[in-house]
Amino acid sequence: MSDIDYEELSSDLDNYVVLDVRNRDEVKKTGRIPGSHCIPISELDDALDMDDDSFQEKYGFPKPTTDQTIVPHCQMGGRARRAGDALTAKGFQTRVYGGSFKDWTIKGGQVEACEPFEGSS
């Protein structure tokens, strides 16, 4: 597992599966990195153990595969690092965005408003 910084992530965003591991209410309030997907850190282990169809139904996007590079982020980096450890332990290629959403916004990264979450309660 290695880190990724704003410049590298923002210049090649489409080649990563960006996972926002903040709580859904945080994401709804502040927005998200364009194209990112919310899986709260509290759900991550269970989500990774789901079959592909159940995952798609709950989270609204295809379950990542181990040949894709996943970039977890949170608000400031702590949860992203824990998510990176969990993803790596399950065999995923992982690059942690340690600066996370705070760094993204400080550096002028675009932010998308959030649509209602698929399968969220």
Protein backbone atom coordinates (compact mmCIF):
# COMPACT_ATOMS: atom_id res chain seq x y z
CA MET A 1 0.00 0.00 0.00
CA SER A 2 1.32 3.41 -0.93
CA ASP A 3 0.10 6.97 -0.66
CA ILE A 4 -1.20 9.19 -3.43
CA ASP A 5 -1.20 12.99 -3.40
CA TYR A 6 -3.59 15.57 -4.81
CA GLU A 7 -1.60 16.20 -7.99
CA GLU A 8 -1.39 12.54 -8.98
CA LEU A 9 -4.99 11.72 -8.06
CA SER A 10 -6.55 14.79 -9.69
CA SER A 11 -4.59 14.33 -12.91
CA ASP A 12 -5.67 10.70 -13.32
CA LEU A 13 -8.95 10.48 -11.39
CA ASP A 14 -10.70 8.21 -13.92
CA ASN A 15 -8.13 5.44 -13.45
CA TYR A 16 -8.91 4.90 -9.77
CA VAL A 17 -11.86 3.68 -7.72
CA VAL A 18 -12.09 6.47 -5.16
CA LEU A 19 -13.84 5.40 -1.95
CA ASP A 20 -15.07 8.05 0.44
CA VAL A 21 -15.15 6.32 3.83
CA ARG A 22 -16.76 9.22 5.70
CA ASN A 23 -20.25 8.84 7.12
CA ARG A 24 -23.05 9.53 4.65
CA ASP A 25 -24.17 12.64 6.53
CA GLU A 26 -20.65 14.12 6.19
CA VAL A 27 -20.66 13.47 2.46
CA LYS A 28 -24.16 14.91 2.00
CA LYS A 29 -23.16 18.04 3.90
CA THR A 30 -19.83 18.77 2.19
CA GLY A 31 -20.07 17.03 -1.19
CA ARG A 32 -17.64 14.57 -2.69
CA ILE A 33 -14.66 14.18 -4.97
CA PRO A 34 -16.11 13.76 -8.49
CA GLY A 35 -16.82 10.13 -9.29
CA SER A 36 -16.09 8.90 -5.76
CA HIS A 37 -18.28 6.37 -3.99
CA CYS A 38 -19.32 6.43 -0.34
CA ILE A 39 -18.83 3.34 1.78
CA PRO A 40 -18.62 4.40 5.43
CA ILE A 41 -15.64 2.90 7.25
CA SER A 42 -18.06 1.10 9.59
CA GLU A 43 -19.49 -0.83 6.60
CA LEU A 44 -16.30 -1.46 4.64
CA ASP A 45 -15.43 -4.98 5.84
CA ASP A 46 -18.96 -6.25 5.32
CA ALA A 47 -19.20 -4.52 1.92
CA LEU A 48 -16.03 -6.22 0.69
CA ASP A 49 -17.44 -9.61 1.69
CA MET A 50 -20.69 -9.12 -0.28
CA ASP A 51 -21.32 -10.89 -3.55
CA ASP A 52 -21.19 -8.67 -6.64
CA ASP A 53 -24.96 -8.32 -7.10
CA SER A 54 -25.66 -7.48 -3.45
CA PHE A 55 -22.85 -4.93 -3.47
CA GLN A 56 -24.17 -3.26 -6.64
CA GLU A 57 -27.69 -3.14 -5.20
CA LYS A 58 -26.59 -1.60 -1.89
CA TYR A 59 -23.92 0.84 -3.09
CA GLY A 60 -25.04 1.64 -6.63
CA PHE A 61 -21.77 0.85 -8.41
CA PRO A 62 -19.94 -2.36 -9.37
CA LYS A 63 -17.92 -4.03 -6.66
CA PRO A 64 -14.24 -3.24 -7.21
CA THR A 65 -11.97 -6.05 -8.31
CA THR A 66 -8.49 -6.80 -7.06
CA ASP A 67 -6.96 -5.65 -10.36
CA GLN A 68 -8.31 -2.10 -9.89
CA THR A 69 -6.51 0.46 -7.74
CA ILE A 70 -8.69 1.71 -4.91
CA VAL A 71 -8.03 5.08 -3.28
CA PRO A 72 -9.75 5.51 0.08
CA HIS A 73 -10.13 8.97 1.57
CA CYS A 74 -12.00 10.55 4.48
CA GLN A 75 -12.04 14.07 5.90
CA MET A 76 -8.45 14.35 7.14
CA GLY A 77 -6.76 10.96 6.67
CA GLY A 78 -7.21 8.76 9.74
CA ARG A 79 -10.13 6.67 8.50
CA ALA A 80 -8.57 6.52 5.04
CA ARG A 81 -5.48 4.85 6.47
CA ARG A 82 -7.63 2.27 8.35
CA ALA A 83 -9.62 1.65 5.16
CA GLY A 84 -6.39 1.18 3.23
CA ASP A 85 -5.23 -1.43 5.73
CA ALA A 86 -8.58 -3.27 5.44
CA LEU A 87 -8.52 -3.17 1.63
CA THR A 88 -4.93 -4.36 1.46
CA ALA A 89 -5.70 -7.23 3.86
CA LYS A 90 -8.47 -8.35 1.47
CA GLY A 91 -6.07 -8.37 -1.49
CA PHE A 92 -6.95 -5.05 -3.14
CA GLN A 93 -4.39 -2.72 -4.73
CA THR A 94 -4.60 0.35 -2.51
CA ARG A 95 -3.24 3.90 -2.59
CA VAL A 96 -4.28 6.04 0.38
CA TYR A 97 -5.09 9.71 -0.11
CA GLY A 98 -3.78 10.83 3.25
CA GLY A 99 -4.64 14.49 2.76
CA SER A 100 -8.17 13.41 2.02
CA PHE A 101 -11.15 15.72 1.45
CA LYS A 102 -9.65 18.63 3.40
CA ASP A 103 -6.55 18.62 1.19
CA TRP A 104 -8.70 18.21 -1.94
CA THR A 105 -10.74 21.33 -1.20
CA ILE A 106 -7.76 23.43 -0.02
CA LYS A 107 -5.99 22.71 -3.30
CA GLY A 108 -9.04 23.72 -5.33
CA GLY A 109 -10.30 20.29 -6.31
CA GLN A 110 -13.77 20.17 -7.82
CA VAL A 111 -16.54 19.01 -5.47
CA GLU A 112 -19.81 17.37 -6.54
CA ALA A 113 -23.06 17.65 -4.65
CA CYS A 114 -24.31 14.26 -3.54
CA GLU A 115 -27.36 12.52 -4.85
CA PRO A 116 -29.38 10.32 -2.50
CA PHE A 117 -27.39 7.19 -1.72
CA GLU A 118 -28.39 3.86 -3.23
CA GLY A 119 -29.57 1.39 -0.65
CA SER A 120 -28.85 3.72 2.26
CA SER A 121 -30.98 3.80 5.30
